[in-house]
Amino acid sequence: MTMTAFDTANNDLLVGILTLVDTALLAGLLLIIIFSGYENFVSKLDIDDHKDRPAWMGKVGFSGLKIKLISAIVAISAVELLKVFISSETLTNTELAWKVGIHLTFVISGVLFSITDYINSKTHNH
């Protein structure tokens, strides 16, 4: 089936929107990593109850940071995979299988991180 100019323009618009979503996810992830990493490993930020303070600040520990990180990576991978599906005119089955496999690896890693974090939270420290 051939694509019309209208279909191509719609696909380009959708890919552009997905790129913006991807960029926003990356920017949010970077901010969380920067502020949580600073608070966890360097020093506490002294901004108390300022009205612009994010709700997660001061409450995200190292394990929470890992879960947020893998969740964001899975979301970014899903957006990238969706972009590939939308503009997959020249994509071979092997390339598509690799991209889906990589995405599934991120998803499985995220589930395993969550299970490990859950088990760790249920054990008593000695």
Protein backbone atom coordinates (compact mmCIF):
# COMPACT_ATOMS: atom_id res chain seq x y z
CA MET A 1 0.00 0.00 0.00
CA THR A 2 1.40 3.41 -0.95
CA MET A 3 1.37 6.36 1.39
CA THR A 4 -0.06 9.67 0.29
CA ALA A 5 1.51 13.02 1.07
CA PHE A 6 -1.19 13.51 3.73
CA ASP A 7 -0.25 10.24 5.46
CA THR A 8 3.43 11.16 5.35
CA ALA A 9 2.71 14.60 6.83
CA ASN A 10 0.63 13.02 9.62
CA ASN A 11 3.38 10.51 10.37
CA ASP A 12 5.99 13.28 10.45
CA LEU A 13 3.80 15.32 12.83
CA LEU A 14 3.24 12.32 15.10
CA VAL A 15 6.96 11.50 15.15
CA GLY A 16 7.69 15.15 15.99
CA ILE A 17 5.23 15.06 18.90
CA LEU A 18 6.72 11.79 20.15
CA THR A 19 10.17 13.37 19.97
CA LEU A 20 8.92 16.22 22.19
CA VAL A 21 7.48 13.72 24.67
CA ASP A 22 10.78 11.83 24.62
CA THR A 23 12.72 15.03 25.26
CA ALA A 24 10.41 15.99 28.14
CA LEU A 25 10.86 12.56 29.72
CA LEU A 26 14.63 12.86 29.42
CA ALA A 27 14.64 16.36 30.91
CA GLY A 28 12.51 15.26 33.87
CA LEU A 29 14.73 12.24 34.40
CA LEU A 30 17.85 14.39 34.38
CA LEU A 31 16.40 16.76 36.99
CA ILE A 32 15.39 13.91 39.27
CA ILE A 33 18.84 12.33 38.98
CA ILE A 34 20.64 15.61 39.62
CA PHE A 35 18.62 16.68 42.66
CA SER A 36 18.22 13.22 44.20
CA GLY A 37 21.86 12.38 43.63
CA TYR A 38 22.93 15.63 45.24
CA GLU A 39 20.65 15.11 48.25
CA ASN A 40 21.61 11.44 48.66
CA PHE A 41 25.35 11.69 48.16
CA VAL A 42 26.48 15.28 48.77
CA SER A 43 24.28 17.41 51.03
CA LYS A 44 20.66 18.15 51.83
CA LEU A 45 19.13 21.09 49.99
CA ASP A 46 17.90 23.68 52.51
CA ILE A 47 14.72 24.91 50.84
CA ASP A 48 12.27 23.61 53.49
CA ASP A 49 8.65 24.21 52.46
CA HIS A 50 9.17 26.60 49.55
CA LYS A 51 6.12 26.70 47.26
CA ASP A 52 8.17 25.61 44.21
CA ARG A 53 9.74 22.60 45.92
CA PRO A 54 8.87 19.33 44.13
CA ALA A 55 6.91 16.85 46.27
CA TRP A 56 9.43 14.03 45.67
CA MET A 57 12.45 16.07 46.83
CA GLY A 58 13.92 14.76 50.04
CA LYS A 59 11.83 11.58 49.84
CA VAL A 60 13.54 9.74 46.98
CA GLY A 61 16.23 7.43 48.28
CA PHE A 62 18.75 5.45 46.30
CA SER A 63 16.39 2.53 45.64
CA GLY A 64 13.57 4.89 44.67
CA LEU A 65 15.97 6.64 42.33
CA LYS A 66 16.82 3.31 40.67
CA ILE A 67 13.12 2.54 40.14
CA LYS A 68 12.44 6.01 38.74
CA LEU A 69 15.44 5.68 36.46
CA ILE A 70 14.45 2.31 35.02
CA SER A 71 10.82 3.47 34.68
CA ALA A 72 11.93 6.50 32.70
CA ILE A 73 14.23 4.35 30.54
CA VAL A 74 11.32 1.99 29.77
CA ALA A 75 9.07 4.94 28.91
CA ILE A 76 11.72 6.48 26.66
CA SER A 77 12.30 3.10 25.01
CA ALA A 78 8.54 2.72 24.44
CA VAL A 79 8.36 6.16 22.80
CA GLU A 80 11.33 5.32 20.58
CA LEU A 81 9.73 2.00 19.63
CA LEU A 82 6.47 3.75 18.80
CA LYS A 83 8.37 6.17 16.57
CA VAL A 84 9.93 3.18 14.80
CA PHE A 85 6.51 1.57 14.28
CA ILE A 86 5.09 4.78 12.83
CA SER A 87 7.90 5.34 10.37
CA SER A 88 8.79 1.71 9.62
CA GLU A 89 8.73 1.82 5.83
CA THR A 90 12.37 0.79 5.40
CA LEU A 91 12.71 -1.29 8.56
CA THR A 92 13.57 -4.97 8.15
CA ASN A 93 12.10 -7.67 10.37
CA THR A 94 15.51 -8.29 11.94
CA GLU A 95 15.92 -4.62 12.91
CA LEU A 96 12.39 -4.54 14.31
CA ALA A 97 13.03 -7.73 16.29
CA TRP A 98 16.21 -6.22 17.79
CA LYS A 99 14.39 -3.02 18.80
CA VAL A 100 11.51 -4.94 20.38
CA GLY A 101 14.01 -7.26 22.11
CA ILE A 102 15.92 -4.32 23.56
CA HIS A 103 12.69 -2.74 24.79
CA LEU A 104 11.58 -6.03 26.39
CA THR A 105 14.99 -6.29 28.07
CA PHE A 106 14.40 -2.87 29.66
CA VAL A 107 10.90 -3.90 30.76
CA ILE A 108 12.12 -7.17 32.29
CA SER A 109 14.99 -5.35 34.01
CA GLY A 110 12.50 -2.87 35.47
CA VAL A 111 10.31 -5.67 36.79
CA LEU A 112 13.32 -7.44 38.30
CA PHE A 113 14.52 -4.19 39.93
CA SER A 114 11.04 -3.69 41.40
CA ILE A 115 10.88 -7.26 42.72
CA THR A 116 14.36 -6.93 44.22
CA ASP A 117 13.41 -3.62 45.85
CA TYR A 118 10.22 -5.17 47.23
CA ILE A 119 12.09 -8.15 48.69
CA ASN A 120 14.73 -5.81 50.12
CA SER A 121 12.08 -3.65 51.80
CA LYS A 122 10.55 -6.73 53.50
CA THR A 123 13.81 -7.98 55.01
CA HIS A 124 14.91 -6.83 58.44
CA ASN A 125 18.29 -5.15 58.75
CA HIS A 126 20.69 -6.98 61.04
